[in-house]
Structures are given as C-alpha cells and as structure tokens.
Amino acid sequence: MNIQQALTRSRIQRGVGGALLLGGATFYFVSLLMAVYRTAQAMSNSALSWQLGAVIQNFIAALYQATSPYIGFVWHNVPTINQSDPFTYGNLLFLGVVGVMIVGKQLVLTGRRLKLRIQRQIDRVEDFQWRNSMMQSRVVADTTISAGTIGQVNVFQQPMPPSPEGEWWTRPWGIIGLSIISGYIVAVMAKLTGML
C-alpha cells in the first residue's frame, strides 16, 4: 500500500467509523431517554413521586418535540429496554447498538492512527529527498538548494510500512465490539427462527 492508498483508507475509516459512532450514539441516547420516560410514567402513578415523574415526562416530551423533525426516525424505531426479561428484542437491539458504537470508535481511532503514520512517513520521505538533493548539489557545485530539486519524486507514491499495531479488529476493543455484534446477530436469528 502506498501513501495515497493509505490516505484514502484513513479517510474511509474515519468517515465510516464516525457515521457508525454518531448513528449508534443517537439510537443509544434516545433509547435511554425512552427508558427514563417509561420509568417516569411509572413514577407518575406513585403517590410520593408523581410530581418528579411529571417533570421528567414533560422534559423528555419537550426534547421529543424539538428533535423529532430531525431525528423522528430514531424516536420511532429505538429499542425498548425491558428490565424484567433480558432476552427481549429491544434489549438485544440495544446491545447491538453498543457493539456498533464500539466498532465505530475503533474505526475512527484506526483512521486517526493511520493518518499520523502517514504524516510521519511523508516527513521521512521529504527528509530523505532533501538529503539526497543536498548531496547531489554538493557534488555538482556547492550551490544553494531549490525546492524544484526536492519535488522530483512523488511523495504519495512511496510505500507505507506495515502497521506495528495490527488491524483494528485484532485489538481488544475491536474484538469486543465484533463479538457483541455477532452475538446480537445470532440472538436475532435465533429469535426470528423461534429458537429463543
């Protein structure tokens, strides 16, 4: 892989990871808000905490009114968290959202690390080209060095060294995120086939 391909890969990783992280976080927090709303509904029926429940419900309803034109799809499709049965579809979907967020964050981190490695490699190549041009100009006739003599080699076509850290899916958080997502997929398939 050369530097140009690594730049493209870094941009894709950061873009896809950011989209996964943003989408997952949106579903995650709206789902938590809905769980708090349902708890506040239960509090409204209590004689002691009905006022606190009503305040929480009104606050979340105001948030819904303000954000539903923009993220209405999320409000209508968030997973329903059920504390009494851990294997409900909503709980499994909530766990899948957590896995998507972990994978998204790992992709963003990998893209950033690759971007830093690319910058270090570009600096090394430019330093090497500068030294070579200094040596060539010294041999010819001890003159000043111009930027034109340095830019003869395309920096972006230089090879990138392999990553010493490995790929994102071989790191601990990548493994955890992928195992959560794969476990979620297995649980959903078991639920759809009637095995669970």
N, C-alpha and C. Protein backbone atom coordinates (compact mmCIF):
# COMPACT_ATOMS: atom_id res chain seq x y z
N MET A 1 0.85 -1.16 0.00
CA MET A 1 0.00 0.00 0.00
C MET A 1 0.91 1.24 0.00
N ASN A 2 0.61 2.16 -0.91
CA ASN A 2 1.39 3.40 -0.93
C ASN A 2 0.68 4.47 -0.10
N ILE A 3 1.29 5.63 -0.01
CA ILE A 3 0.77 6.69 0.86
C ILE A 3 -0.59 7.19 0.37
N GLN A 4 -0.79 7.28 -0.94
CA GLN A 4 -2.08 7.73 -1.48
C GLN A 4 -3.20 6.76 -1.10
N GLN A 5 -2.93 5.47 -1.23
CA GLN A 5 -3.93 4.47 -0.84
C GLN A 5 -4.19 4.51 0.66
N ALA A 6 -3.14 4.73 1.44
CA ALA A 6 -3.30 4.83 2.89
C ALA A 6 -4.13 6.06 3.27
N LEU A 7 -3.95 7.17 2.55
CA LEU A 7 -4.77 8.36 2.81
C LEU A 7 -6.24 8.08 2.54
N THR A 8 -6.52 7.41 1.43
CA THR A 8 -7.90 7.06 1.10
C THR A 8 -8.48 6.13 2.16
N ARG A 9 -7.70 5.15 2.57
CA ARG A 9 -8.16 4.20 3.59
C ARG A 9 -8.43 4.92 4.91
N SER A 10 -7.56 5.84 5.28
CA SER A 10 -7.74 6.59 6.53
C SER A 10 -9.02 7.42 6.48
N ARG A 11 -9.27 8.08 5.36
CA ARG A 11 -10.50 8.88 5.24
C ARG A 11 -11.74 8.01 5.31
N ILE A 12 -11.70 6.86 4.65
CA ILE A 12 -12.85 5.95 4.68
C ILE A 12 -13.09 5.44 6.09
N GLN A 13 -12.01 5.03 6.77
CA GLN A 13 -12.16 4.52 8.13
C GLN A 13 -12.72 5.59 9.07
N ARG A 14 -12.22 6.81 8.97
CA ARG A 14 -12.72 7.87 9.84
C ARG A 14 -14.16 8.23 9.49
N GLY A 15 -14.51 8.24 8.21
CA GLY A 15 -15.88 8.58 7.80
C GLY A 15 -16.88 7.52 8.22
N VAL A 16 -16.58 6.26 7.90
CA VAL A 16 -17.50 5.17 8.26
C VAL A 16 -17.58 5.02 9.77
N GLY A 17 -16.44 5.09 10.44
CA GLY A 17 -16.44 4.99 11.90
C GLY A 17 -17.21 6.12 12.55
N GLY A 18 -17.05 7.33 12.04
CA GLY A 18 -17.80 8.47 12.59
C GLY A 18 -19.29 8.31 12.38
N ALA A 19 -19.68 7.82 11.19
CA ALA A 19 -21.10 7.60 10.92
C ALA A 19 -21.68 6.53 11.84
N LEU A 20 -20.94 5.42 12.02
CA LEU A 20 -21.40 4.37 12.93
C LEU A 20 -21.50 4.88 14.36
N LEU A 21 -20.50 5.63 14.77
CA LEU A 21 -20.49 6.16 16.14
C LEU A 21 -21.62 7.15 16.36
N LEU A 22 -21.83 8.06 15.41
CA LEU A 22 -22.89 9.05 15.54
C LEU A 22 -24.27 8.40 15.51
N GLY A 23 -24.48 7.49 14.55
CA GLY A 23 -25.77 6.81 14.47
C GLY A 23 -26.04 5.94 15.69
N GLY A 24 -25.03 5.19 16.12
CA GLY A 24 -25.20 4.35 17.30
C GLY A 24 -25.45 5.17 18.55
N ALA A 25 -24.71 6.27 18.71
CA ALA A 25 -24.89 7.11 19.89
C ALA A 25 -26.27 7.76 19.90
N THR A 26 -26.77 8.14 18.73
CA THR A 26 -28.11 8.73 18.66
C THR A 26 -29.16 7.72 19.11
N PHE A 27 -29.09 6.50 18.56
CA PHE A 27 -30.04 5.47 18.97
C PHE A 27 -29.88 5.14 20.46
N TYR A 28 -28.65 5.08 20.93
CA TYR A 28 -28.36 4.74 22.32
C TYR A 28 -28.99 5.76 23.28
N PHE A 29 -28.73 7.04 23.05
CA PHE A 29 -29.22 8.05 23.98
C PHE A 29 -30.73 8.25 23.89
N VAL A 30 -31.29 8.14 22.70
CA VAL A 30 -32.75 8.25 22.59
C VAL A 30 -33.41 7.05 23.26
N SER A 31 -32.80 5.88 23.14
CA SER A 31 -33.33 4.70 23.81
C SER A 31 -33.28 4.86 25.32
N LEU A 32 -32.18 5.42 25.82
CA LEU A 32 -32.10 5.67 27.26
C LEU A 32 -33.14 6.70 27.70
N LEU A 33 -33.35 7.73 26.88
CA LEU A 33 -34.39 8.73 27.21
C LEU A 33 -35.77 8.08 27.27
N MET A 34 -36.04 7.16 26.34
CA MET A 34 -37.34 6.48 26.35
C MET A 34 -37.48 5.58 27.57
N ALA A 35 -36.38 4.95 28.00
CA ALA A 35 -36.43 4.13 29.22
C ALA A 35 -36.70 5.01 30.44
N VAL A 36 -36.06 6.18 30.49
CA VAL A 36 -36.31 7.12 31.60
C VAL A 36 -37.76 7.61 31.54
N TYR A 37 -38.28 7.84 30.33
CA TYR A 37 -39.66 8.30 30.18
C TYR A 37 -40.64 7.25 30.72
N ARG A 38 -40.39 5.98 30.39
CA ARG A 38 -41.27 4.91 30.88
C ARG A 38 -41.18 4.78 32.40
N THR A 39 -39.99 4.95 32.94
CA THR A 39 -39.83 4.93 34.39
C THR A 39 -40.57 6.11 35.03
N ALA A 40 -40.51 7.27 34.38
CA ALA A 40 -41.22 8.45 34.89
C ALA A 40 -42.73 8.24 34.82
N GLN A 41 -43.20 7.50 33.81
CA GLN A 41 -44.64 7.18 33.75
C GLN A 41 -45.04 6.33 34.94
N ALA A 42 -44.18 5.37 35.29
CA ALA A 42 -44.48 4.54 36.46
C ALA A 42 -44.43 5.37 37.74
N MET A 43 -43.52 6.36 37.78
CA MET A 43 -43.43 7.24 38.95
C MET A 43 -44.65 8.14 39.06
N SER A 44 -45.27 8.48 37.94
CA SER A 44 -46.44 9.35 37.95
C SER A 44 -47.62 8.70 38.67
N ASN A 45 -47.65 7.38 38.67
CA ASN A 45 -48.74 6.67 39.33
C ASN A 45 -48.50 6.54 40.83
N SER A 46 -47.31 6.86 41.29
CA SER A 46 -46.98 6.77 42.71
C SER A 46 -47.47 8.01 43.45
N ALA A 47 -47.86 7.83 44.69
CA ALA A 47 -48.37 8.96 45.48
C ALA A 47 -47.25 9.89 45.93
N LEU A 48 -46.04 9.35 46.10
CA LEU A 48 -44.94 10.16 46.62
C LEU A 48 -44.17 10.91 45.53
N SER A 49 -43.97 10.28 44.41
CA SER A 49 -43.08 10.87 43.40
C SER A 49 -43.79 11.26 42.11
N TRP A 50 -45.07 11.54 42.17
CA TRP A 50 -45.80 11.85 40.94
C TRP A 50 -45.35 13.17 40.33
N GLN A 51 -44.95 14.14 41.14
CA GLN A 51 -44.51 15.43 40.59
C GLN A 51 -43.19 15.29 39.84
N LEU A 52 -42.25 14.55 40.43
CA LEU A 52 -40.96 14.32 39.76
C LEU A 52 -41.17 13.57 38.45
N GLY A 53 -42.04 12.57 38.46
CA GLY A 53 -42.34 11.83 37.24
C GLY A 53 -42.93 12.72 36.16
N ALA A 54 -43.82 13.63 36.56
CA ALA A 54 -44.43 14.55 35.59
C ALA A 54 -43.40 15.51 35.02
N VAL A 55 -42.47 15.99 35.85
CA VAL A 55 -41.43 16.91 35.37
C VAL A 55 -40.53 16.20 34.36
N ILE A 56 -40.14 14.98 34.68
CA ILE A 56 -39.28 14.22 33.76
C ILE A 56 -40.00 13.94 32.45
N GLN A 57 -41.26 13.55 32.53
CA GLN A 57 -42.05 13.30 31.32
C GLN A 57 -42.15 14.55 30.46
N ASN A 58 -42.42 15.68 31.08
CA ASN A 58 -42.54 16.93 30.33
C ASN A 58 -41.22 17.33 29.68
N PHE A 59 -40.11 17.12 30.39
CA PHE A 59 -38.80 17.45 29.84
C PHE A 59 -38.49 16.58 28.61
N ILE A 60 -38.74 15.28 28.72
CA ILE A 60 -38.46 14.38 27.59
C ILE A 60 -39.44 14.65 26.44
N ALA A 61 -40.68 14.99 26.75
CA ALA A 61 -41.64 15.35 25.70
C ALA A 61 -41.19 16.61 24.97
N ALA A 62 -40.63 17.58 25.70
CA ALA A 62 -40.11 18.80 25.07
C ALA A 62 -38.92 18.47 24.17
N LEU A 63 -38.05 17.57 24.63
CA LEU A 63 -36.93 17.12 23.79
C LEU A 63 -37.43 16.45 22.51
N TYR A 64 -38.46 15.63 22.67
CA TYR A 64 -39.04 14.96 21.50
C TYR A 64 -39.59 15.98 20.51
N GLN A 65 -40.32 16.96 21.01
CA GLN A 65 -40.90 17.99 20.13
C GLN A 65 -39.81 18.77 19.39
N ALA A 66 -38.71 19.04 20.08
CA ALA A 66 -37.64 19.83 19.47
C ALA A 66 -36.82 19.04 18.46
N THR A 67 -36.66 17.74 18.69
CA THR A 67 -35.77 16.95 17.83
C THR A 67 -36.48 16.04 16.85
N SER A 68 -37.77 15.82 17.01
CA SER A 68 -38.46 14.87 16.11
C SER A 68 -38.46 15.28 14.65
N PRO A 69 -38.44 16.58 14.29
CA PRO A 69 -38.34 16.88 12.85
C PRO A 69 -37.02 16.41 12.24
N TYR A 70 -35.99 16.31 13.06
CA TYR A 70 -34.67 15.95 12.54
C TYR A 70 -34.35 14.47 12.71
N ILE A 71 -34.70 13.92 13.86
CA ILE A 71 -34.39 12.51 14.11
C ILE A 71 -35.66 11.74 14.48
N GLY A 72 -36.75 12.05 13.81
CA GLY A 72 -38.01 11.36 14.07
C GLY A 72 -37.92 9.87 13.83
N PHE A 73 -37.15 9.47 12.82
CA PHE A 73 -36.95 8.04 12.54
C PHE A 73 -36.37 7.33 13.75
N VAL A 74 -35.44 7.98 14.42
CA VAL A 74 -34.81 7.38 15.60
C VAL A 74 -35.81 7.27 16.73
N TRP A 75 -36.59 8.32 16.97
CA TRP A 75 -37.56 8.29 18.06
C TRP A 75 -38.59 7.17 17.86
N HIS A 76 -38.95 6.91 16.61
CA HIS A 76 -39.98 5.90 16.35
C HIS A 76 -39.43 4.48 16.29
N ASN A 77 -38.12 4.33 16.16
CA ASN A 77 -37.53 3.00 15.99
C ASN A 77 -36.50 2.63 17.04
N VAL A 78 -36.47 3.32 18.16
CA VAL A 78 -35.49 2.98 19.20
C VAL A 78 -35.86 1.67 19.87
N PRO A 79 -34.85 0.94 20.33
CA PRO A 79 -35.16 -0.30 21.04
C PRO A 79 -35.80 -0.02 22.40
N THR A 80 -36.76 -0.84 22.76
CA THR A 80 -37.42 -0.72 24.05
C THR A 80 -36.68 -1.58 25.06
N ILE A 81 -36.15 -0.94 26.08
CA ILE A 81 -35.39 -1.67 27.10
C ILE A 81 -36.37 -2.25 28.11
N ASN A 82 -36.25 -3.56 28.34
CA ASN A 82 -37.12 -4.27 29.28
C ASN A 82 -36.24 -4.86 30.37
N GLN A 83 -36.41 -4.39 31.60
CA GLN A 83 -35.56 -4.85 32.69
C GLN A 83 -35.98 -6.21 33.23
N SER A 84 -37.19 -6.62 32.98
CA SER A 84 -37.66 -7.89 33.54
C SER A 84 -37.22 -9.09 32.70
N ASP A 85 -37.10 -8.94 31.38
CA ASP A 85 -36.68 -10.05 30.52
C ASP A 85 -35.47 -9.61 29.69
N PRO A 86 -34.28 -10.14 29.98
CA PRO A 86 -33.08 -9.67 29.28
C PRO A 86 -33.00 -10.08 27.82
N PHE A 87 -33.78 -11.07 27.39
CA PHE A 87 -33.68 -11.55 26.03
C PHE A 87 -34.78 -11.02 25.11
N THR A 88 -35.35 -9.89 25.45
CA THR A 88 -36.33 -9.29 24.56
C THR A 88 -35.61 -8.68 23.36
N TYR A 89 -36.35 -8.48 22.30
CA TYR A 89 -35.77 -7.93 21.08
C TYR A 89 -35.18 -6.54 21.32
N GLY A 90 -35.84 -5.72 22.12
CA GLY A 90 -35.34 -4.38 22.41
C GLY A 90 -34.01 -4.39 23.14
N ASN A 91 -33.88 -5.28 24.12
CA ASN A 91 -32.60 -5.38 24.84
C ASN A 91 -31.49 -5.87 23.93
N LEU A 92 -31.80 -6.83 23.07
CA LEU A 92 -30.78 -7.34 22.15
C LEU A 92 -30.38 -6.25 21.15
N LEU A 93 -31.36 -5.50 20.69
CA LEU A 93 -31.05 -4.40 19.76
C LEU A 93 -30.23 -3.32 20.46
N PHE A 94 -30.54 -3.05 21.72
CA PHE A 94 -29.76 -2.08 22.48
C PHE A 94 -28.31 -2.54 22.62
N LEU A 95 -28.11 -3.82 22.89
CA LEU A 95 -26.76 -4.37 22.97
C LEU A 95 -26.06 -4.29 21.61
N GLY A 96 -26.80 -4.53 20.53
CA GLY A 96 -26.23 -4.39 19.19
C GLY A 96 -25.81 -2.97 18.90
N VAL A 97 -26.57 -1.98 19.38
CA VAL A 97 -26.21 -0.57 19.21
C VAL A 97 -24.90 -0.27 19.93
N VAL A 98 -24.73 -0.85 21.12
CA VAL A 98 -23.47 -0.66 21.86
C VAL A 98 -22.31 -1.25 21.06
N GLY A 99 -22.51 -2.43 20.47
CA GLY A 99 -21.47 -3.03 19.63
C GLY A 99 -21.13 -2.18 18.43
N VAL A 100 -22.14 -1.61 17.80
CA VAL A 100 -21.91 -0.73 16.64
C VAL A 100 -21.11 0.50 17.07
N MET A 101 -21.42 1.05 18.23
CA MET A 101 -20.67 2.20 18.72
C MET A 101 -19.21 1.84 18.99
N ILE A 102 -18.96 0.67 19.55
CA ILE A 102 -17.58 0.25 19.82
C ILE A 102 -16.82 0.09 18.52
N VAL A 103 -17.43 -0.56 17.54
CA VAL A 103 -16.77 -0.75 16.24
C VAL A 103 -16.53 0.60 15.57
N GLY A 104 -17.50 1.50 15.64
CA GLY A 104 -17.32 2.83 15.07
C GLY A 104 -16.17 3.58 15.70
N LYS A 105 -16.07 3.52 17.01
CA LYS A 105 -14.97 4.21 17.71
C LYS A 105 -13.63 3.59 17.33
N GLN A 106 -13.58 2.26 17.19
CA GLN A 106 -12.33 1.61 16.79
C GLN A 106 -11.92 2.02 15.39
N LEU A 107 -12.90 2.15 14.48
CA LEU A 107 -12.58 2.60 13.13
C LEU A 107 -12.06 4.03 13.12
N VAL A 108 -12.67 4.90 13.92
CA VAL A 108 -12.20 6.29 13.99
C VAL A 108 -10.78 6.33 14.54
N LEU A 109 -10.52 5.58 15.61
CA LEU A 109 -9.17 5.56 16.18
C LEU A 109 -8.14 5.01 15.20
N THR A 110 -8.52 3.96 14.48
CA THR A 110 -7.61 3.38 13.49
C THR A 110 -7.33 4.37 12.37
N GLY A 111 -8.35 5.07 11.91
CA GLY A 111 -8.15 6.08 10.88
C GLY A 111 -7.25 7.20 11.34
N ARG A 112 -7.40 7.62 12.59
CA ARG A 112 -6.53 8.68 13.12
C ARG A 112 -5.09 8.21 13.25
N ARG A 113 -4.93 6.97 13.74
CA ARG A 113 -3.56 6.44 13.86
C ARG A 113 -2.91 6.32 12.50
N LEU A 114 -3.66 5.87 11.52
CA LEU A 114 -3.12 5.75 10.17
C LEU A 114 -2.76 7.12 9.62
N LYS A 115 -3.57 8.12 9.89
CA LYS A 115 -3.27 9.47 9.43
C LYS A 115 -1.96 9.97 10.04
N LEU A 116 -1.74 9.70 11.33
CA LEU A 116 -0.48 10.09 11.97
C LEU A 116 0.71 9.34 11.38
N ARG A 117 0.53 8.04 11.12
CA ARG A 117 1.60 7.26 10.49
C ARG A 117 1.91 7.79 9.09
N ILE A 118 0.88 8.18 8.36
CA ILE A 118 1.08 8.74 7.01
C ILE A 118 1.89 10.03 7.10
N GLN A 119 1.54 10.88 8.06
CA GLN A 119 2.27 12.14 8.19
C GLN A 119 3.73 11.90 8.56
N ARG A 120 3.98 10.94 9.44
CA ARG A 120 5.37 10.61 9.79
C ARG A 120 6.12 10.08 8.58
N GLN A 121 5.46 9.24 7.78
CA GLN A 121 6.10 8.68 6.59
C GLN A 121 6.38 9.77 5.56
N ILE A 122 5.45 10.69 5.37
CA ILE A 122 5.67 11.80 4.44
C ILE A 122 6.86 12.64 4.91
N ASP A 123 6.93 12.89 6.21
CA ASP A 123 8.06 13.66 6.74
C ASP A 123 9.38 12.94 6.49
N ARG A 124 9.39 11.61 6.67
CA ARG A 124 10.61 10.84 6.42
C ARG A 124 11.02 10.91 4.95
N VAL A 125 10.04 10.75 4.06
CA VAL A 125 10.34 10.79 2.62
C VAL A 125 10.85 12.16 2.22
N GLU A 126 10.23 13.22 2.73
CA GLU A 126 10.69 14.57 2.40
C GLU A 126 12.09 14.82 2.94
N ASP A 127 12.37 14.34 4.17
CA ASP A 127 13.73 14.49 4.71
C ASP A 127 14.74 13.74 3.86
N PHE A 128 14.38 12.53 3.44
CA PHE A 128 15.27 11.73 2.59
C PHE A 128 15.53 12.44 1.26
N GLN A 129 14.46 12.96 0.66
CA GLN A 129 14.63 13.67 -0.61
C GLN A 129 15.47 14.93 -0.43
N TRP A 130 15.30 15.61 0.68
CA TRP A 130 16.08 16.82 0.95
C TRP A 130 17.56 16.47 1.07
N ARG A 131 17.86 15.40 1.82
CA ARG A 131 19.26 14.98 1.97
C ARG A 131 19.87 14.59 0.63
N ASN A 132 19.11 13.85 -0.17
CA ASN A 132 19.62 13.44 -1.49
C ASN A 132 19.89 14.65 -2.37
N SER A 133 18.99 15.62 -2.34
CA SER A 133 19.20 16.81 -3.18
C SER A 133 20.40 17.62 -2.69
N MET A 134 20.63 17.63 -1.36
CA MET A 134 21.80 18.33 -0.84
C MET A 134 23.09 17.64 -1.29
N MET A 135 23.08 16.32 -1.26
CA MET A 135 24.27 15.58 -1.69
C MET A 135 24.53 15.80 -3.18
N GLN A 136 23.49 15.79 -3.99
CA GLN A 136 23.66 15.99 -5.43
C GLN A 136 24.15 17.39 -5.73
N SER A 137 23.64 18.38 -5.02
CA SER A 137 24.06 19.76 -5.29
C SER A 137 25.49 19.99 -4.80
N ARG A 138 25.93 19.31 -3.75
CA ARG A 138 27.30 19.43 -3.27
C ARG A 138 28.29 18.85 -4.26
N VAL A 139 27.88 17.74 -4.86
CA VAL A 139 28.77 17.09 -5.82
C VAL A 139 28.92 17.95 -7.06
N VAL A 140 27.81 18.53 -7.51
CA VAL A 140 27.85 19.31 -8.75
C VAL A 140 28.64 20.59 -8.55
N ALA A 141 28.20 21.45 -7.68
CA ALA A 141 28.94 22.70 -7.48
C ALA A 141 28.39 23.43 -6.29
N ASP A 142 28.71 23.19 -5.16
CA ASP A 142 28.32 23.81 -3.90
C ASP A 142 27.40 25.02 -4.06
N THR A 143 26.21 24.82 -4.59
CA THR A 143 25.26 25.91 -4.79
C THR A 143 24.11 25.77 -3.80
N THR A 144 23.19 26.68 -3.85
CA THR A 144 22.02 26.60 -2.97
C THR A 144 21.06 25.55 -3.49
N ILE A 145 20.21 25.07 -2.61
CA ILE A 145 19.26 24.01 -2.95
C ILE A 145 17.92 24.65 -3.22
N SER A 146 17.31 24.28 -4.33
CA SER A 146 16.00 24.83 -4.66
C SER A 146 14.92 23.80 -4.38
N ALA A 147 13.71 24.29 -4.20
CA ALA A 147 12.59 23.39 -3.94
C ALA A 147 12.29 22.53 -5.16
N GLY A 148 12.67 22.98 -6.34
CA GLY A 148 12.43 22.20 -7.56
C GLY A 148 13.21 20.90 -7.58
N THR A 149 14.39 20.90 -7.00
CA THR A 149 15.17 19.67 -6.99
C THR A 149 14.63 18.67 -5.98
N ILE A 150 13.90 19.15 -4.99
CA ILE A 150 13.35 18.24 -3.98
C ILE A 150 12.10 17.55 -4.50
N GLY A 151 11.28 18.24 -5.26
CA GLY A 151 9.98 17.72 -5.66
C GLY A 151 10.00 16.82 -6.87
N GLN A 152 11.12 16.19 -7.18
CA GLN A 152 11.17 15.34 -8.37
C GLN A 152 10.48 13.99 -8.15
N VAL A 153 10.37 13.54 -6.92
CA VAL A 153 9.74 12.26 -6.63
C VAL A 153 8.37 12.52 -6.02
N ASN A 154 7.36 11.81 -6.51
CA ASN A 154 6.00 11.96 -5.98
C ASN A 154 5.93 11.29 -4.60
N VAL A 155 5.69 12.09 -3.58
CA VAL A 155 5.68 11.59 -2.21
C VAL A 155 4.57 10.58 -2.00
N PHE A 156 3.43 10.79 -2.64
CA PHE A 156 2.26 9.94 -2.39
C PHE A 156 2.37 8.56 -3.02
N GLN A 157 3.35 8.34 -3.86
CA GLN A 157 3.54 7.01 -4.45
C GLN A 157 4.54 6.17 -3.66
N GLN A 158 5.09 6.72 -2.59
CA GLN A 158 6.04 5.99 -1.76
C GLN A 158 5.30 4.93 -0.95
N PRO A 159 5.93 3.78 -0.70
CA PRO A 159 5.25 2.72 0.06
C PRO A 159 5.12 3.08 1.54
N MET A 160 4.05 2.58 2.14
CA MET A 160 3.82 2.75 3.58
C MET A 160 4.32 1.50 4.29
N PRO A 161 5.02 1.64 5.40
CA PRO A 161 5.41 0.45 6.17
C PRO A 161 4.18 -0.15 6.84
N PRO A 162 4.18 -1.45 7.10
CA PRO A 162 3.02 -2.06 7.75
C PRO A 162 2.84 -1.53 9.18
N SER A 163 1.61 -1.58 9.63
CA SER A 163 1.29 -1.08 10.97
C SER A 163 1.84 -2.04 12.02
N PRO A 164 2.57 -1.53 13.00
CA PRO A 164 3.07 -2.42 14.05
C PRO A 164 1.97 -2.87 15.01
N GLU A 165 0.86 -2.14 15.03
CA GLU A 165 -0.23 -2.45 15.96
C GLU A 165 -1.21 -3.48 15.40
N GLY A 166 -1.17 -3.75 14.12
CA GLY A 166 -2.12 -4.66 13.51
C GLY A 166 -3.40 -3.95 13.12
N GLU A 167 -4.35 -4.70 12.63
CA GLU A 167 -5.63 -4.14 12.20
C GLU A 167 -6.53 -3.87 13.40
N TRP A 168 -7.57 -3.06 13.19
CA TRP A 168 -8.43 -2.66 14.30
C TRP A 168 -9.19 -3.84 14.89
N TRP A 169 -9.52 -4.84 14.09
CA TRP A 169 -10.32 -5.96 14.59
C TRP A 169 -9.47 -6.95 15.38
N THR A 170 -8.15 -6.76 15.43
CA THR A 170 -7.30 -7.65 16.23
C THR A 170 -7.00 -7.05 17.60
N ARG A 171 -7.40 -5.82 17.84
CA ARG A 171 -7.20 -5.18 19.14
C ARG A 171 -8.34 -5.56 20.07
N PRO A 172 -8.13 -5.45 21.39
CA PRO A 172 -9.15 -5.91 22.35
C PRO A 172 -10.53 -5.28 22.16
N TRP A 173 -10.61 -3.95 21.98
CA TRP A 173 -11.92 -3.32 21.82
C TRP A 173 -12.57 -3.69 20.50
N GLY A 174 -11.78 -3.90 19.47
CA GLY A 174 -12.33 -4.36 18.20
C GLY A 174 -12.93 -5.75 18.33
N ILE A 175 -12.23 -6.62 19.05
CA ILE A 175 -12.73 -7.98 19.28
C ILE A 175 -14.02 -7.94 20.09
N ILE A 176 -14.04 -7.09 21.13
CA ILE A 176 -15.25 -6.98 21.96
C ILE A 176 -16.43 -6.46 21.13
N GLY A 177 -16.20 -5.42 20.34
CA GLY A 177 -17.28 -4.87 19.52
C GLY A 177 -17.80 -5.86 18.51
N LEU A 178 -16.90 -6.56 17.83
CA LEU A 178 -17.34 -7.54 16.84
C LEU A 178 -18.04 -8.73 17.50
N SER A 179 -17.59 -9.14 18.69
CA SER A 179 -18.27 -10.25 19.33
C SER A 179 -19.65 -9.85 19.83
N ILE A 180 -19.82 -8.59 20.25
CA ILE A 180 -21.15 -8.13 20.64
C ILE A 180 -22.07 -8.13 19.42
N ILE A 181 -21.58 -7.60 18.30
CA ILE A 181 -22.41 -7.55 17.09
C ILE A 181 -22.73 -8.96 16.60
N SER A 182 -21.74 -9.86 16.59
CA SER A 182 -22.01 -11.22 16.12
C SER A 182 -22.94 -11.95 17.07
N GLY A 183 -22.79 -11.73 18.38
CA GLY A 183 -23.72 -12.32 19.34
C GLY A 183 -25.13 -11.79 19.15
N TYR A 184 -25.22 -10.49 18.84
CA TYR A 184 -26.52 -9.88 18.57
C TYR A 184 -27.16 -10.51 17.33
N ILE A 185 -26.37 -10.70 16.29
CA ILE A 185 -26.89 -11.29 15.05
C ILE A 185 -27.38 -12.71 15.32
N VAL A 186 -26.61 -13.48 16.08
CA VAL A 186 -27.02 -14.86 16.41
C VAL A 186 -28.31 -14.83 17.23
N ALA A 187 -28.40 -13.93 18.21
CA ALA A 187 -29.60 -13.86 19.04
C ALA A 187 -30.83 -13.46 18.24
N VAL A 188 -30.66 -12.51 17.33
CA VAL A 188 -31.79 -12.09 16.50
C VAL A 188 -32.22 -13.22 15.57
N MET A 189 -31.25 -13.92 14.99
CA MET A 189 -31.61 -15.05 14.12
C MET A 189 -32.30 -16.15 14.92
N ALA A 190 -31.84 -16.40 16.15
CA ALA A 190 -32.50 -17.39 17.00
C ALA A 190 -33.91 -16.94 17.35
N LYS A 191 -34.07 -15.65 17.59
CA LYS A 191 -35.40 -15.11 17.92
C LYS A 191 -36.34 -15.23 16.71
N LEU A 192 -35.80 -14.92 15.52
CA LEU A 192 -36.63 -14.99 14.31
C LEU A 192 -37.02 -16.42 13.95
N THR A 193 -36.13 -17.38 14.22
CA THR A 193 -36.43 -18.77 13.90
C THR A 193 -37.21 -19.48 15.00
N GLY A 194 -37.44 -18.80 16.12
CA GLY A 194 -38.22 -19.38 17.20
C GLY A 194 -37.40 -20.23 18.16
N MET A 195 -36.10 -20.18 18.07
CA MET A 195 -35.26 -20.98 18.96
C MET A 195 -35.11 -20.32 20.33
N LEU A 196 -35.44 -19.06 20.44
CA LEU A 196 -35.26 -18.35 21.71
C LEU A 196 -36.58 -17.77 22.17
